[in-house]
Amino acid sequence: PSLEHLHDPFLMKGMQQAVDRIEKAIALGEKILIYGDYDVDGT
């Protein structure tokens, strides 16, 4: 196995919009909340 075998993340539907929105939030100094489930996968 090689990390080069990982797929391009931008193949996923919505990834472009997600990254664009994060970069907009950072550029404007917005407050970002990371919200997740209470199990191992979420934490």
PDB file of all heavy atoms in Angstrom:
ATOM      1  N   PRO A   1       0.826  -1.208   0.000  1.00  0.00           N
ATOM      2  CA  PRO A   1       0.000   0.000   0.000  1.00  0.00           C
ATOM      3  C   PRO A   1       0.858   1.256   0.000  1.00  0.00           C
ATOM      4  O   PRO A   1       1.953   1.277   0.568  1.00  0.00           O
ATOM      5  CB  PRO A   1      -0.826  -0.121   1.289  1.00  0.00           C
ATOM      6  CG  PRO A   1      -0.191  -1.182   2.098  1.00  0.00           C
ATOM      7  CD  PRO A   1       0.631  -2.030   1.197  1.00  0.00           C
ATOM      8  N   SER A   2       0.365   2.287  -0.640  1.00  0.00           N
ATOM      9  CA  SER A   2       1.063   3.572  -0.725  1.00  0.00           C
ATOM     10  C   SER A   2       0.048   4.689  -0.586  1.00  0.00           C
ATOM     11  O   SER A   2      -1.098   4.565  -1.034  1.00  0.00           O
ATOM     12  CB  SER A   2       1.795   3.684  -2.076  1.00  0.00           C
ATOM     13  OG  SER A   2       2.233   5.013  -2.298  1.00  0.00           O
ATOM     14  N   LEU A   3       0.466   5.779   0.024  1.00  0.00           N
ATOM     15  CA  LEU A   3      -0.421   6.933   0.133  1.00  0.00           C
ATOM     16  C   LEU A   3      -0.757   7.501  -1.245  1.00  0.00           C
ATOM     17  O   LEU A   3      -1.747   8.212  -1.394  1.00  0.00           O
ATOM     18  CB  LEU A   3       0.213   8.009   1.019  1.00  0.00           C
ATOM     19  CG  LEU A   3       0.305   7.645   2.510  1.00  0.00           C
ATOM     20  CD1 LEU A   3       1.084   8.710   3.275  1.00  0.00           C
ATOM     21  CD2 LEU A   3      -1.081   7.462   3.119  1.00  0.00           C
ATOM     22  N   GLU A   4       0.045   7.163  -2.230  1.00  0.00           N
ATOM     23  CA  GLU A   4      -0.265   7.583  -3.593  1.00  0.00           C
ATOM     24  C   GLU A   4      -1.498   6.860  -4.142  1.00  0.00           C
ATOM     25  O   GLU A   4      -2.074   7.277  -5.151  1.00  0.00           O
ATOM     26  CB  GLU A   4       0.935   7.337  -4.507  1.00  0.00           C
ATOM     27  CG  GLU A   4       2.147   8.208  -4.168  1.00  0.00           C
ATOM     28  CD  GLU A   4       3.311   7.962  -5.102  1.00  0.00           C
ATOM     29  OE1 GLU A   4       3.189   7.090  -5.990  1.00  0.00           O
ATOM     30  OE2 GLU A   4       4.348   8.632  -4.951  1.00  0.00           O
ATOM     31  N   HIS A   5      -1.907   5.788  -3.478  1.00  0.00           N
ATOM     32  CA  HIS A   5      -3.102   5.051  -3.896  1.00  0.00           C
ATOM     33  C   HIS A   5      -4.390   5.722  -3.428  1.00  0.00           C
ATOM     34  O   HIS A   5      -5.472   5.304  -3.827  1.00  0.00           O
ATOM     35  CB  HIS A   5      -3.064   3.615  -3.364  1.00  0.00           C
ATOM     36  CG  HIS A   5      -1.917   2.813  -3.878  1.00  0.00           C
ATOM     37  ND1 HIS A   5      -1.380   1.733  -3.189  1.00  0.00           N
ATOM     38  CD2 HIS A   5      -1.183   2.927  -5.020  1.00  0.00           C
ATOM     39  CE1 HIS A   5      -0.384   1.223  -3.880  1.00  0.00           C
ATOM     40  NE2 HIS A   5      -0.240   1.926  -4.991  1.00  0.00           N
ATOM     41  N   LEU A   6      -4.285   6.731  -2.554  1.00  0.00           N
ATOM     42  CA  LEU A   6      -5.480   7.436  -2.103  1.00  0.00           C
ATOM     43  C   LEU A   6      -6.093   8.204  -3.272  1.00  0.00           C
ATOM     44  O   LEU A   6      -5.390   8.781  -4.096  1.00  0.00           O
ATOM     45  CB  LEU A   6      -5.140   8.402  -0.965  1.00  0.00           C
ATOM     46  CG  LEU A   6      -4.620   7.778   0.337  1.00  0.00           C
ATOM     47  CD1 LEU A   6      -4.298   8.878   1.348  1.00  0.00           C
ATOM     48  CD2 LEU A   6      -5.638   6.799   0.919  1.00  0.00           C
ATOM     49  N   HIS A   7      -7.402   8.244  -3.310  1.00  0.00           N
ATOM     50  CA  HIS A   7      -8.101   8.924  -4.395  1.00  0.00           C
ATOM     51  C   HIS A   7      -8.033  10.444  -4.231  1.00  0.00           C
ATOM     52  O   HIS A   7      -7.899  10.968  -3.117  1.00  0.00           O
ATOM     53  CB  HIS A   7      -9.563   8.481  -4.457  1.00  0.00           C
ATOM     54  CG  HIS A   7      -9.740   7.008  -4.615  1.00  0.00           C
ATOM     55  ND1 HIS A   7      -9.223   6.314  -5.688  1.00  0.00           N
ATOM     56  CD2 HIS A   7     -10.383   6.092  -3.837  1.00  0.00           C
ATOM     57  CE1 HIS A   7      -9.545   5.032  -5.567  1.00  0.00           C
ATOM     58  NE2 HIS A   7     -10.238   4.876  -4.459  1.00  0.00           N
ATOM     59  N   ASP A   8      -8.148  11.126  -5.342  1.00  0.00           N
ATOM     60  CA  ASP A   8      -8.233  12.577  -5.330  1.00  0.00           C
ATOM     61  C   ASP A   8      -9.495  12.989  -4.561  1.00  0.00           C
ATOM     62  O   ASP A   8     -10.601  12.604  -4.935  1.00  0.00           O
ATOM     63  CB  ASP A   8      -8.315  13.083  -6.777  1.00  0.00           C
ATOM     64  CG  ASP A   8      -8.435  14.596  -6.889  1.00  0.00           C
ATOM     65  OD1 ASP A   8      -8.564  15.280  -5.855  1.00  0.00           O
ATOM     66  OD2 ASP A   8      -8.418  15.099  -8.034  1.00  0.00           O
ATOM     67  N   PRO A   9      -9.362  13.756  -3.467  1.00  0.00           N
ATOM     68  CA  PRO A   9     -10.550  14.103  -2.675  1.00  0.00           C
ATOM     69  C   PRO A   9     -11.571  14.922  -3.452  1.00  0.00           C
ATOM     70  O   PRO A   9     -12.764  14.902  -3.126  1.00  0.00           O
ATOM     71  CB  PRO A   9      -9.973  14.896  -1.501  1.00  0.00           C
ATOM     72  CG  PRO A   9      -8.649  15.402  -1.978  1.00  0.00           C
ATOM     73  CD  PRO A   9      -8.135  14.346  -2.909  1.00  0.00           C
ATOM     74  N   PHE A  10     -11.136  15.630  -4.484  1.00  0.00           N
ATOM     75  CA  PHE A  10     -12.053  16.462  -5.247  1.00  0.00           C
ATOM     76  C   PHE A  10     -12.949  15.654  -6.187  1.00  0.00           C
ATOM     77  O   PHE A  10     -13.830  16.208  -6.844  1.00  0.00           O
ATOM     78  CB  PHE A  10     -11.290  17.533  -6.027  1.00  0.00           C
ATOM     79  CG  PHE A  10     -10.750  18.625  -5.134  1.00  0.00           C
ATOM     80  CD1 PHE A  10      -9.418  18.642  -4.781  1.00  0.00           C
ATOM     81  CD2 PHE A  10     -11.581  19.608  -4.629  1.00  0.00           C
ATOM     82  CE1 PHE A  10      -8.915  19.629  -3.948  1.00  0.00           C
ATOM     83  CE2 PHE A  10     -11.097  20.599  -3.803  1.00  0.00           C
ATOM     84  CZ  PHE A  10      -9.753  20.619  -3.454  1.00  0.00           C
ATOM     85  N   LEU A  11     -12.747  14.319  -6.217  1.00  0.00           N
ATOM     86  CA  LEU A  11     -13.675  13.457  -6.943  1.00  0.00           C
ATOM     87  C   LEU A  11     -14.999  13.312  -6.196  1.00  0.00           C
ATOM     88  O   LEU A  11     -16.000  12.891  -6.776  1.00  0.00           O
ATOM     89  CB  LEU A  11     -13.063  12.071  -7.154  1.00  0.00           C
ATOM     90  CG  LEU A  11     -11.833  11.990  -8.069  1.00  0.00           C
ATOM     91  CD1 LEU A  11     -11.275  10.574  -8.062  1.00  0.00           C
ATOM     92  CD2 LEU A  11     -12.176  12.427  -9.483  1.00  0.00           C
ATOM     93  N   MET A  12     -14.997  13.657  -4.906  1.00  0.00           N
ATOM     94  CA  MET A  12     -16.196  13.512  -4.093  1.00  0.00           C
ATOM     95  C   MET A  12     -17.154  14.674  -4.329  1.00  0.00           C
ATOM     96  O   MET A  12     -16.750  15.840  -4.333  1.00  0.00           O
ATOM     97  CB  MET A  12     -15.828  13.425  -2.610  1.00  0.00           C
ATOM     98  CG  MET A  12     -16.968  12.992  -1.714  1.00  0.00           C
ATOM     99  SD  MET A  12     -16.464  12.797   0.009  1.00  0.00           S
ATOM    100  CE  MET A  12     -15.196  11.530  -0.147  1.00  0.00           C
ATOM    101  N   LYS A  13     -18.397  14.362  -4.508  1.00  0.00           N
ATOM    102  CA  LYS A  13     -19.409  15.386  -4.698  1.00  0.00           C
ATOM    103  C   LYS A  13     -19.423  16.349  -3.512  1.00  0.00           C
ATOM    104  O   LYS A  13     -19.447  15.931  -2.358  1.00  0.00           O
ATOM    105  CB  LYS A  13     -20.791  14.751  -4.846  1.00  0.00           C
ATOM    106  CG  LYS A  13     -21.906  15.765  -5.043  1.00  0.00           C
ATOM    107  CD  LYS A  13     -23.271  15.110  -5.037  1.00  0.00           C
ATOM    108  CE  LYS A  13     -24.373  16.149  -5.167  1.00  0.00           C
ATOM    109  NZ  LYS A  13     -25.715  15.566  -5.098  1.00  0.00           N
ATOM    110  N   GLY A  14     -19.379  17.648  -3.804  1.00  0.00           N
ATOM    111  CA  GLY A  14     -19.459  18.665  -2.775  1.00  0.00           C
ATOM    112  C   GLY A  14     -18.129  19.122  -2.212  1.00  0.00           C
ATOM    113  O   GLY A  14     -18.082  20.105  -1.469  1.00  0.00           O
ATOM    114  N   MET A  15     -17.034  18.432  -2.560  1.00  0.00           N
ATOM    115  CA  MET A  15     -15.734  18.767  -1.954  1.00  0.00           C
ATOM    116  C   MET A  15     -15.271  20.167  -2.354  1.00  0.00           C
ATOM    117  O   MET A  15     -14.749  20.919  -1.529  1.00  0.00           O
ATOM    118  CB  MET A  15     -14.685  17.727  -2.338  1.00  0.00           C
ATOM    119  CG  MET A  15     -13.366  17.921  -1.616  1.00  0.00           C
ATOM    120  SD  MET A  15     -13.489  17.703   0.182  1.00  0.00           S
ATOM    121  CE  MET A  15     -13.572  15.913   0.304  1.00  0.00           C
ATOM    122  N   GLN A  16     -15.438  20.513  -3.619  1.00  0.00           N
ATOM    123  CA  GLN A  16     -15.029  21.845  -4.070  1.00  0.00           C
ATOM    124  C   GLN A  16     -15.756  22.937  -3.276  1.00  0.00           C
ATOM    125  O   GLN A  16     -15.150  23.891  -2.797  1.00  0.00           O
ATOM    126  CB  GLN A  16     -15.321  22.007  -5.557  1.00  0.00           C
ATOM    127  CG  GLN A  16     -14.798  23.298  -6.175  1.00  0.00           C
ATOM    128  CD  GLN A  16     -13.289  23.286  -6.316  1.00  0.00           C
ATOM    129  OE1 GLN A  16     -12.727  22.358  -6.880  1.00  0.00           O
ATOM    130  NE2 GLN A  16     -12.635  24.316  -5.797  1.00  0.00           N
ATOM    131  N   GLN A  17     -17.070  22.766  -3.115  1.00  0.00           N
ATOM    132  CA  GLN A  17     -17.868  23.755  -2.385  1.00  0.00           C
ATOM    133  C   GLN A  17     -17.465  23.808  -0.915  1.00  0.00           C
ATOM    134  O   GLN A  17     -17.438  24.890  -0.313  1.00  0.00           O
ATOM    135  CB  GLN A  17     -19.357  23.422  -2.506  1.00  0.00           C
ATOM    136  CG  GLN A  17     -19.922  23.566  -3.916  1.00  0.00           C
ATOM    137  CD  GLN A  17     -19.790  22.298  -4.744  1.00  0.00           C
ATOM    138  OE1 GLN A  17     -18.914  21.476  -4.513  1.00  0.00           O
ATOM    139  NE2 GLN A  17     -20.677  22.149  -5.719  1.00  0.00           N
ATOM    140  N   ALA A  18     -17.146  22.650  -0.342  1.00  0.00           N
ATOM    141  CA  ALA A  18     -16.748  22.613   1.068  1.00  0.00           C
ATOM    142  C   ALA A  18     -15.453  23.375   1.296  1.00  0.00           C
ATOM    143  O   ALA A  18     -15.347  24.191   2.223  1.00  0.00           O
ATOM    144  CB  ALA A  18     -16.601  21.162   1.528  1.00  0.00           C
ATOM    145  N   VAL A  19     -14.459  23.120   0.451  1.00  0.00           N
ATOM    146  CA  VAL A  19     -13.169  23.789   0.614  1.00  0.00           C
ATOM    147  C   VAL A  19     -13.310  25.289   0.346  1.00  0.00           C
ATOM    148  O   VAL A  19     -12.735  26.122   1.072  1.00  0.00           O
ATOM    149  CB  VAL A  19     -12.113  23.154  -0.311  1.00  0.00           C
ATOM    150  CG1 VAL A  19     -10.799  23.947  -0.271  1.00  0.00           C
ATOM    151  CG2 VAL A  19     -11.854  21.699   0.103  1.00  0.00           C
ATOM    152  N   ASP A  20     -14.075  25.638  -0.664  1.00  0.00           N
ATOM    153  CA  ASP A  20     -14.295  27.064  -0.952  1.00  0.00           C
ATOM    154  C   ASP A  20     -14.931  27.772   0.243  1.00  0.00           C
ATOM    155  O   ASP A  20     -14.543  28.898   0.590  1.00  0.00           O
ATOM    156  CB  ASP A  20     -15.198  27.225  -2.179  1.00  0.00           C
ATOM    157  CG  ASP A  20     -14.495  26.881  -3.478  1.00  0.00           C
ATOM    158  OD1 ASP A  20     -13.255  26.777  -3.484  1.00  0.00           O
ATOM    159  OD2 ASP A  20     -15.199  26.717  -4.505  1.00  0.00           O
ATOM    160  N   ARG A  21     -15.911  27.115   0.889  1.00  0.00           N
ATOM    161  CA  ARG A  21     -16.589  27.758   2.021  1.00  0.00           C
ATOM    162  C   ARG A  21     -15.665  27.893   3.225  1.00  0.00           C
ATOM    163  O   ARG A  21     -15.704  28.910   3.954  1.00  0.00           O
ATOM    164  CB  ARG A  21     -17.831  26.941   2.411  1.00  0.00           C
ATOM    165  CG  ARG A  21     -18.659  27.580   3.537  1.00  0.00           C
ATOM    166  CD  ARG A  21     -19.213  28.924   3.124  1.00  0.00           C
ATOM    167  NE  ARG A  21     -19.938  29.591   4.206  1.00  0.00           N
ATOM    168  CZ  ARG A  21     -19.396  30.409   5.108  1.00  0.00           C
ATOM    169  NH1 ARG A  21     -18.080  30.644   5.073  1.00  0.00           N
ATOM    170  NH2 ARG A  21     -20.134  30.980   6.038  1.00  0.00           N
ATOM    171  N   ILE A  22     -14.803  26.911   3.454  1.00  0.00           N
ATOM    172  CA  ILE A  22     -13.835  27.009   4.556  1.00  0.00           C
ATOM    173  C   ILE A  22     -12.854  28.143   4.299  1.00  0.00           C
ATOM    174  O   ILE A  22     -12.541  28.946   5.201  1.00  0.00           O
ATOM    175  CB  ILE A  22     -13.090  25.666   4.735  1.00  0.00           C
ATOM    176  CG1 ILE A  22     -14.050  24.595   5.266  1.00  0.00           C
ATOM    177  CG2 ILE A  22     -11.905  25.829   5.680  1.00  0.00           C
ATOM    178  CD1 ILE A  22     -13.487  23.202   5.261  1.00  0.00           C
ATOM    179  N   GLU A  23     -12.383  28.247   3.079  1.00  0.00           N
ATOM    180  CA  GLU A  23     -11.434  29.314   2.760  1.00  0.00           C
ATOM    181  C   GLU A  23     -12.093  30.691   2.866  1.00  0.00           C
ATOM    182  O   GLU A  23     -11.456  31.662   3.306  1.00  0.00           O
ATOM    183  CB  GLU A  23     -10.848  29.084   1.371  1.00  0.00           C
ATOM    184  CG  GLU A  23      -9.989  27.830   1.308  1.00  0.00           C
ATOM    185  CD  GLU A  23      -9.072  27.796   0.099  1.00  0.00           C
ATOM    186  OE1 GLU A  23      -9.468  28.330  -0.955  1.00  0.00           O
ATOM    187  OE2 GLU A  23      -7.975  27.237   0.228  1.00  0.00           O
ATOM    188  N   LYS A  24     -13.352  30.791   2.491  1.00  0.00           N
ATOM    189  CA  LYS A  24     -14.077  32.050   2.651  1.00  0.00           C
ATOM    190  C   LYS A  24     -14.194  32.412   4.129  1.00  0.00           C
ATOM    191  O   LYS A  24     -13.987  33.574   4.519  1.00  0.00           O
ATOM    192  CB  LYS A  24     -15.462  31.939   2.021  1.00  0.00           C
ATOM    193  CG  LYS A  24     -16.324  33.186   2.212  1.00  0.00           C
ATOM    194  CD  LYS A  24     -17.732  32.979   1.658  1.00  0.00           C
ATOM    195  CE  LYS A  24     -18.624  34.183   1.947  1.00  0.00           C
ATOM    196  NZ  LYS A  24     -20.020  33.975   1.455  1.00  0.00           N
ATOM    197  N   ALA A  25     -14.526  31.423   4.954  1.00  0.00           N
ATOM    198  CA  ALA A  25     -14.657  31.676   6.390  1.00  0.00           C
ATOM    199  C   ALA A  25     -13.344  32.146   6.997  1.00  0.00           C
ATOM    200  O   ALA A  25     -13.316  33.077   7.817  1.00  0.00           O
ATOM    201  CB  ALA A  25     -15.132  30.404   7.096  1.00  0.00           C
ATOM    202  N   ILE A  26     -12.255  31.525   6.585  1.00  0.00           N
ATOM    203  CA  ILE A  26     -10.943  31.920   7.102  1.00  0.00           C
ATOM    204  C   ILE A  26     -10.595  33.330   6.635  1.00  0.00           C
ATOM    205  O   ILE A  26     -10.109  34.165   7.416  1.00  0.00           O
ATOM    206  CB  ILE A  26      -9.882  30.907   6.662  1.00  0.00           C
ATOM    207  CG1 ILE A  26     -10.114  29.554   7.358  1.00  0.00           C
ATOM    208  CG2 ILE A  26      -8.472  31.423   6.950  1.00  0.00           C
ATOM    209  CD1 ILE A  26      -9.251  28.430   6.860  1.00  0.00           C
ATOM    210  N   ALA A  27     -10.859  33.621   5.373  1.00  0.00           N
ATOM    211  CA  ALA A  27     -10.537  34.952   4.828  1.00  0.00           C
ATOM    212  C   ALA A  27     -11.323  36.054   5.533  1.00  0.00           C
ATOM    213  O   ALA A  27     -10.810  37.165   5.745  1.00  0.00           O
ATOM    214  CB  ALA A  27     -10.818  34.976   3.328  1.00  0.00           C
ATOM    215  N   LEU A  28     -12.565  35.761   5.931  1.00  0.00           N
ATOM    216  CA  LEU A  28     -13.420  36.768   6.558  1.00  0.00           C
ATOM    217  C   LEU A  28     -13.346  36.747   8.081  1.00  0.00           C
ATOM    218  O   LEU A  28     -14.010  37.550   8.739  1.00  0.00           O
ATOM    219  CB  LEU A  28     -14.875  36.558   6.113  1.00  0.00           C
ATOM    220  CG  LEU A  28     -15.163  36.741   4.620  1.00  0.00           C
ATOM    221  CD1 LEU A  28     -16.627  36.440   4.321  1.00  0.00           C
ATOM    222  CD2 LEU A  28     -14.789  38.155   4.173  1.00  0.00           C
ATOM    223  N   GLY A  29     -12.553  35.828   8.631  1.00  0.00           N
ATOM    224  CA  GLY A  29     -12.426  35.754  10.081  1.00  0.00           C
ATOM    225  C   GLY A  29     -13.654  35.209  10.782  1.00  0.00           C
ATOM    226  O   GLY A  29     -13.907  35.527  11.949  1.00  0.00           O
ATOM    227  N   GLU A  30     -14.446  34.377  10.097  1.00  0.00           N
ATOM    228  CA  GLU A  30     -15.641  33.803  10.702  1.00  0.00           C
ATOM    229  C   GLU A  30     -15.279  32.757  11.760  1.00  0.00           C
ATOM    230  O   GLU A  30     -14.199  32.163  11.737  1.00  0.00           O
ATOM    231  CB  GLU A  30     -16.507  33.142   9.631  1.00  0.00           C
ATOM    232  CG  GLU A  30     -17.048  34.075   8.563  1.00  0.00           C
ATOM    233  CD  GLU A  30     -17.897  33.334   7.541  1.00  0.00           C
ATOM    234  OE1 GLU A  30     -18.871  32.680   7.948  1.00  0.00           O
ATOM    235  OE2 GLU A  30     -17.554  33.391   6.345  1.00  0.00           O
ATOM    236  N   LYS A  31     -16.214  32.536  12.671  1.00  0.00           N
ATOM    237  CA  LYS A  31     -16.035  31.497  13.680  1.00  0.00           C
ATOM    238  C   LYS A  31     -16.519  30.153  13.111  1.00  0.00           C
ATOM    239  O   LYS A  31     -17.630  30.052  12.602  1.00  0.00           O
ATOM    240  CB  LYS A  31     -16.812  31.839  14.952  1.00  0.00           C
ATOM    241  CG  LYS A  31     -16.286  33.062  15.683  1.00  0.00           C
ATOM    242  CD  LYS A  31     -17.071  33.332  16.953  1.00  0.00           C
ATOM    243  CE  LYS A  31     -16.771  32.286  18.012  1.00  0.00           C
ATOM    244  NZ  LYS A  31     -17.431  32.618  19.311  1.00  0.00           N
ATOM    245  N   ILE A  32     -15.643  29.149  13.188  1.00  0.00           N
ATOM    246  CA  ILE A  32     -15.928  27.819  12.645  1.00  0.00           C
ATOM    247  C   ILE A  32     -16.112  26.841  13.798  1.00  0.00           C
ATOM    248  O   ILE A  32     -15.265  26.763  14.700  1.00  0.00           O
ATOM    249  CB  ILE A  32     -14.800  27.335  11.720  1.00  0.00           C
ATOM    250  CG1 ILE A  32     -14.569  28.325  10.569  1.00  0.00           C
ATOM    251  CG2 ILE A  32     -15.112  25.949  11.171  1.00  0.00           C
ATOM    252  CD1 ILE A  32     -13.378  27.978   9.693  1.00  0.00           C
ATOM    253  N   LEU A  33     -17.206  26.081  13.761  1.00  0.00           N
ATOM    254  CA  LEU A  33     -17.478  25.088  14.793  1.00  0.00           C
ATOM    255  C   LEU A  33     -17.362  23.687  14.200  1.00  0.00           C
ATOM    256  O   LEU A  33     -18.005  23.378  13.199  1.00  0.00           O
ATOM    257  CB  LEU A  33     -18.880  25.286  15.371  1.00  0.00           C
ATOM    258  CG  LEU A  33     -19.265  24.379  16.551  1.00  0.00           C
ATOM    259  CD1 LEU A  33     -18.394  24.661  17.758  1.00  0.00           C
ATOM    260  CD2 LEU A  33     -20.743  24.543  16.898  1.00  0.00           C
ATOM    261  N   ILE A  34     -16.546  22.854  14.814  1.00  0.00           N
ATOM    262  CA  ILE A  34     -16.401  21.456  14.401  1.00  0.00           C
ATOM    263  C   ILE A  34     -17.342  20.636  15.278  1.00  0.00           C
ATOM    264  O   ILE A  34     -17.173  20.573  16.491  1.00  0.00           O
ATOM    265  CB  ILE A  34     -14.956  20.959  14.555  1.00  0.00           C
ATOM    266  CG1 ILE A  34     -13.950  22.000  14.048  1.00  0.00           C
ATOM    267  CG2 ILE A  34     -14.776  19.632  13.831  1.00  0.00           C
ATOM    268  CD1 ILE A  34     -14.130  22.405  12.621  1.00  0.00           C
ATOM    269  N   TYR A  35     -18.331  20.005  14.674  1.00  0.00           N
ATOM    270  CA  TYR A  35     -19.425  19.360  15.399  1.00  0.00           C
ATOM    271  C   TYR A  35     -19.403  17.867  15.074  1.00  0.00           C
ATOM    272  O   TYR A  35     -19.446  17.488  13.900  1.00  0.00           O
ATOM    273  CB  TYR A  35     -20.750  19.980  14.935  1.00  0.00           C
ATOM    274  CG  TYR A  35     -21.982  19.657  15.737  1.00  0.00           C
ATOM    275  CD1 TYR A  35     -22.725  20.665  16.337  1.00  0.00           C
ATOM    276  CD2 TYR A  35     -22.446  18.348  15.874  1.00  0.00           C
ATOM    277  CE1 TYR A  35     -23.879  20.387  17.060  1.00  0.00           C
ATOM    278  CE2 TYR A  35     -23.591  18.061  16.591  1.00  0.00           C
ATOM    279  CZ  TYR A  35     -24.300  19.088  17.185  1.00  0.00           C
ATOM    280  OH  TYR A  35     -25.439  18.804  17.901  1.00  0.00           O
ATOM    281  N   GLY A  36     -19.327  17.020  16.105  1.00  0.00           N
ATOM    282  CA  GLY A  36     -19.240  15.591  15.816  1.00  0.00           C
ATOM    283  C   GLY A  36     -19.937  14.716  16.830  1.00  0.00           C
ATOM    284  O   GLY A  36     -20.307  15.158  17.924  1.00  0.00           O
ATOM    285  N   ASP A  37     -20.089  13.464  16.475  1.00  0.00           N
ATOM    286  CA  ASP A  37     -20.764  12.481  17.310  1.00  0.00           C
ATOM    287  C   ASP A  37     -19.903  12.140  18.521  1.00  0.00           C
ATOM    288  O   ASP A  37     -18.697  12.385  18.549  1.00  0.00           O
ATOM    289  CB  ASP A  37     -21.055  11.233  16.466  1.00  0.00           C
ATOM    290  CG  ASP A  37     -21.920  10.232  17.187  1.00  0.00           C
ATOM    291  OD1 ASP A  37     -22.694  10.643  18.071  1.00  0.00           O
ATOM    292  OD2 ASP A  37     -21.829   9.024  16.877  1.00  0.00           O
ATOM    293  N   TYR A  38     -20.535  11.508  19.530  1.00  0.00           N
ATOM    294  CA  TYR A  38     -19.846  11.210  20.788  1.00  0.00           C
ATOM    295  C   TYR A  38     -19.176   9.835  20.802  1.00  0.00           C
ATOM    296  O   TYR A  38     -18.639   9.432  21.827  1.00  0.00           O
ATOM    297  CB  TYR A  38     -20.815  11.329  21.969  1.00  0.00           C
ATOM    298  CG  TYR A  38     -22.189  10.745  21.728  1.00  0.00           C
ATOM    299  CD1 TYR A  38     -22.385   9.374  21.605  1.00  0.00           C
ATOM    300  CD2 TYR A  38     -23.295  11.579  21.626  1.00  0.00           C
ATOM    301  CE1 TYR A  38     -23.630   8.845  21.375  1.00  0.00           C
ATOM    302  CE2 TYR A  38     -24.572  11.051  21.395  1.00  0.00           C
ATOM    303  CZ  TYR A  38     -24.734   9.695  21.275  1.00  0.00           C
ATOM    304  OH  TYR A  38     -25.982   9.165  21.046  1.00  0.00           O
ATOM    305  N   ASP A  39     -19.228   9.084  19.699  1.00  0.00           N
ATOM    306  CA  ASP A  39     -18.549   7.791  19.694  1.00  0.00           C
ATOM    307  C   ASP A  39     -17.118   7.958  19.196  1.00  0.00           C
ATOM    308  O   ASP A  39     -16.643   9.067  18.952  1.00  0.00           O
ATOM    309  CB  ASP A  39     -19.333   6.767  18.869  1.00  0.00           C
ATOM    310  CG  ASP A  39     -19.321   7.075  17.370  1.00  0.00           C
ATOM    311  OD1 ASP A  39     -18.710   8.088  16.969  1.00  0.00           O
ATOM    312  OD2 ASP A  39     -19.933   6.303  16.598  1.00  0.00           O
ATOM    313  N   VAL A  40     -16.404   6.843  19.048  1.00  0.00           N
ATOM    314  CA  VAL A  40     -14.997   6.914  18.659  1.00  0.00           C
ATOM    315  C   VAL A  40     -14.827   7.567  17.289  1.00  0.00           C
ATOM    316  O   VAL A  40     -13.960   8.427  17.098  1.00  0.00           O
ATOM    317  CB  VAL A  40     -14.348   5.510  18.656  1.00  0.00           C
ATOM    318  CG1 VAL A  40     -12.881   5.605  18.230  1.00  0.00           C
ATOM    319  CG2 VAL A  40     -14.448   4.872  20.020  1.00  0.00           C
ATOM    320  N   ASP A  41     -15.659   7.173  16.336  1.00  0.00           N
ATOM    321  CA  ASP A  41     -15.541   7.727  14.987  1.00  0.00           C
ATOM    322  C   ASP A  41     -15.766   9.239  15.007  1.00  0.00           C
ATOM    323  O   ASP A  41     -15.035  10.001  14.372  1.00  0.00           O
ATOM    324  CB  ASP A  41     -16.549   7.045  14.062  1.00  0.00           C
ATOM    325  CG  ASP A  41     -16.257   7.283  12.591  1.00  0.00           C
ATOM    326  OD1 ASP A  41     -15.141   7.729  12.260  1.00  0.00           O
ATOM    327  OD2 ASP A  41     -17.145   7.018  11.763  1.00  0.00           O
ATOM    328  N   GLY A  42     -16.773   9.675  15.746  1.00  0.00           N
ATOM    329  CA  GLY A  42     -17.061  11.103  15.809  1.00  0.00           C
ATOM    330  C   GLY A  42     -15.999  11.900  16.534  1.00  0.00           C
ATOM    331  O   GLY A  42     -15.583  12.981  16.077  1.00  0.00           O
ATOM    332  N   THR A  43     -15.534  11.399  17.673  1.00  0.00           N
ATOM    333  CA  THR A  43     -14.545  12.153  18.453  1.00  0.00           C
ATOM    334  C   THR A  43     -13.186  12.189  17.752  1.00  0.00           C
ATOM    335  O   THR A  43     -12.486  13.202  17.814  1.00  0.00           O
ATOM    336  CB  THR A  43     -14.405  11.580  19.870  1.00  0.00           C
ATOM    337  OG1 THR A  43     -14.170  10.167  19.812  1.00  0.00           O
ATOM    338  CG2 THR A  43     -15.655  11.841  20.688  1.00  0.00           C
TER     339      THR A  43
END
